[in-house]
Protein backbone atom coordinates (compact mmCIF):
# COMPACT_ATOMS: atom_id res chain seq x y z
CA MET A 1 -14.77 44.75 -140.92
CA ARG A 2 -13.74 48.36 -141.06
CA PHE A 3 -17.12 49.31 -139.66
CA VAL A 4 -16.76 46.89 -136.72
CA VAL A 5 -13.31 48.20 -135.78
CA ALA A 6 -14.52 51.81 -135.95
CA SER A 7 -17.52 51.05 -133.69
CA VAL A 8 -15.36 49.16 -131.13
CA VAL A 9 -12.92 52.11 -130.99
CA ALA A 10 -15.81 54.55 -130.63
CA VAL A 11 -17.33 52.49 -127.79
CA LEU A 12 -13.98 52.25 -126.00
CA LEU A 13 -13.29 55.97 -126.28
CA SER A 14 -16.76 56.94 -125.14
CA SER A 15 -16.79 54.62 -122.09
CA PRO A 16 -16.55 56.26 -118.65
CA VAL A 17 -13.29 54.45 -117.91
CA TYR A 18 -11.41 56.66 -120.33
CA ALA A 19 -13.44 59.80 -119.66
CA VAL A 20 -11.72 62.63 -117.80
CA GLU A 21 -13.77 65.27 -116.01
CA PRO A 22 -12.56 68.82 -116.23
CA ALA A 23 -11.54 70.36 -112.91
CA THR A 24 -13.76 73.21 -111.70
CA THR A 25 -12.43 75.95 -109.46
CA THR A 26 -15.78 77.04 -107.96
CA PRO A 27 -18.41 74.46 -107.06
CA THR A 28 -21.76 75.24 -108.56
CA ALA A 29 -23.65 72.27 -107.11
CA PRO A 30 -24.00 71.36 -103.42
CA ALA A 31 -21.50 68.90 -102.02
CA PRO A 32 -22.47 65.23 -102.42
CA ALA A 33 -22.21 64.68 -98.65
CA ALA A 34 -24.72 67.44 -97.99
CA VAL A 35 -27.10 65.98 -100.51
CA THR A 36 -26.82 62.50 -99.05
CA ASN A 37 -27.15 63.79 -95.47
CA THR A 38 -30.28 65.70 -96.37
CA ALA A 39 -31.67 62.67 -98.15
CA ALA A 40 -30.79 60.44 -95.20
CA VAL A 41 -32.43 62.83 -92.74
CA ALA A 42 -35.49 63.13 -94.91
CA THR A 43 -35.71 59.37 -95.36
CA ALA A 44 -35.17 58.78 -91.62
CA ASN A 45 -37.97 61.20 -90.81
CA GLY A 46 -40.37 59.42 -93.11
CA VAL A 47 -40.21 61.98 -95.91
CA THR A 48 -39.02 60.67 -99.23
CA PRO A 49 -37.97 63.59 -101.37
CA ALA A 50 -37.85 63.38 -105.11
CA GLN A 51 -34.47 62.50 -106.56
CA ASP A 52 -33.74 65.81 -108.25
CA LYS A 53 -35.98 68.22 -106.31
CA PRO A 54 -34.48 70.19 -103.42
CA LEU A 55 -36.35 70.26 -100.12
CA THR A 56 -38.87 73.00 -99.66
CA ALA A 57 -38.92 75.32 -96.68
CA GLU A 58 -41.91 73.46 -95.24
CA GLN A 59 -40.11 70.11 -95.49
CA ILE A 60 -36.99 71.55 -93.88
CA ALA A 61 -39.06 73.04 -91.05
CA LYS A 62 -40.90 69.75 -90.62
CA ASN A 63 -37.61 67.84 -90.52
CA LYS A 64 -36.19 70.29 -88.01
CA ALA A 65 -39.29 70.00 -85.81
CA LEU A 66 -39.06 66.20 -85.94
CA GLN A 67 -35.38 66.33 -85.00
CA GLU A 68 -36.13 68.68 -82.10
CA ALA A 69 -38.93 66.40 -80.89
CA LYS A 70 -36.61 63.40 -81.04
CA THR A 71 -33.93 65.35 -79.18
CA LYS A 72 -36.40 66.38 -76.49
CA ALA A 73 -37.61 62.80 -76.13
CA LEU A 74 -34.02 61.59 -75.80
CA ILE A 75 -33.28 64.27 -73.20
CA LYS A 76 -36.40 63.34 -71.24
CA ASP A 77 -35.50 59.64 -71.42
CA GLN A 78 -31.96 60.38 -70.28
CA SER A 79 -33.21 62.50 -67.37
CA THR A 80 -35.53 59.72 -66.18
CA ARG A 81 -32.68 57.23 -66.46
CA LEU A 82 -30.46 59.61 -64.53
CA GLN A 83 -33.04 59.91 -61.76
CA GLN A 84 -33.40 56.13 -61.61
CA LEU A 85 -29.63 55.72 -61.43
CA GLU A 86 -29.37 58.34 -58.68
CA GLN A 87 -32.08 56.57 -56.68
CA ALA A 88 -30.40 53.20 -57.17
CA ASN A 89 -27.09 54.76 -56.12
CA LEU A 90 -28.63 56.16 -52.94
CA ASP A 91 -30.19 52.79 -52.14
CA ALA A 92 -26.87 51.05 -52.72
CA LEU A 93 -25.07 53.56 -50.49
CA ALA A 94 -27.60 53.02 -47.69
CA GLN A 95 -27.28 49.25 -48.02
CA ASN A 96 -23.48 49.58 -48.04
CA GLN A 97 -23.57 51.55 -44.79
CA GLU A 98 -25.85 48.95 -43.21
CA LEU A 99 -23.54 46.15 -44.24
CA GLN A 100 -20.50 48.02 -42.94
CA LEU A 101 -22.20 48.46 -39.56
CA LYS A 102 -23.11 44.77 -39.45
CA ASN A 103 -19.54 43.88 -40.40
CA ASP A 104 -18.16 46.09 -37.62
CA ASN A 105 -20.58 44.53 -35.09
CA LEU A 106 -19.61 41.03 -36.17
CA GLY A 107 -15.93 41.94 -35.93
CA VAL A 108 -16.46 43.13 -32.36
CA GLN A 109 -18.35 39.93 -31.53
CA VAL A 110 -15.52 37.82 -32.94
CA GLN A 111 -12.99 39.70 -30.80
CA VAL A 112 -15.15 39.25 -27.68
CA LEU A 113 -15.55 35.53 -28.36
CA GLN A 114 -11.83 35.14 -28.93
CA SER A 115 -10.98 36.94 -25.71
CA GLU A 116 -13.59 34.85 -23.83
CA ARG A 117 -12.07 31.69 -25.29
CA SER A 118 -8.59 32.82 -24.22
CA ALA A 119 -9.84 33.57 -20.71
CA GLN A 120 -11.58 30.18 -20.59
CA MET A 121 -8.39 28.39 -21.67
CA PHE A 122 -6.45 30.33 -19.03
CA LEU A 123 -8.94 29.24 -16.36
CA TYR A 124 -8.75 25.62 -17.55
CA GLY A 125 -4.97 25.79 -17.31
CA ALA A 126 -5.10 27.32 -13.85
CA ALA A 127 -7.58 24.68 -12.66
CA THR A 128 -5.40 21.91 -14.10
CA LEU A 129 -2.36 23.33 -12.37
CA ALA A 130 -4.23 23.59 -9.05
CA VAL A 131 -5.44 20.00 -9.32
CA GLY A 132 -1.92 18.88 -10.16
CA VAL A 133 -0.45 20.68 -7.16
CA LEU A 134 -3.10 19.20 -4.83
CA LEU A 135 -2.50 15.72 -6.18
CA GLY A 136 1.21 16.23 -5.76
CA PHE A 137 0.80 17.22 -2.10
CA LEU A 138 -1.56 14.33 -1.44
CA ILE A 139 0.69 11.78 -3.06
CA ALA A 140 3.77 13.22 -1.33
CA SER A 141 2.07 13.20 2.06
CA TYR A 142 0.86 9.63 1.52
CA VAL A 143 4.31 8.43 0.58
CA TYR A 144 5.87 10.33 3.48
CA THR A 145 3.45 8.81 6.05
CA LYS A 146 3.96 5.33 4.64
CA ARG A 147 7.73 5.58 5.13
CA ARG A 148 7.33 6.88 8.66
CA ARG A 149 5.27 3.86 9.68
CA GLN A 150 7.87 1.46 8.44
CA TRP A 151 10.55 2.72 10.91
């Protein structure tokens, strides 16, 4: 029993939960972020470095060349997209101007038709008034002559 208790205490004290790392004032190893970034870049470029081996100068140069090629390809792709967008913008501006001209022409046509309709209604009113006046004179003259005959 004594042996079991001693081994349980030894296991508990040696576990990483209770372990305390001593604080270092000067880092001797590269930062973990730099290591993971380098590993991520190397893995993304298709190079799988060994776990504990640092990258060689050739691998770093190869990675840098791959990154530059990717950057150049992205820049070229962006420039072609920019040219396509500029062309589409110019086409849209030309179409917009065409549509504005058509809209202005149609607005003028609407105003002309409205003024023609107003003039037509004015003429109809004038003709109706003239017919009414003529009918009034005819009816008045007929009634006047009829009364004269009766005397």
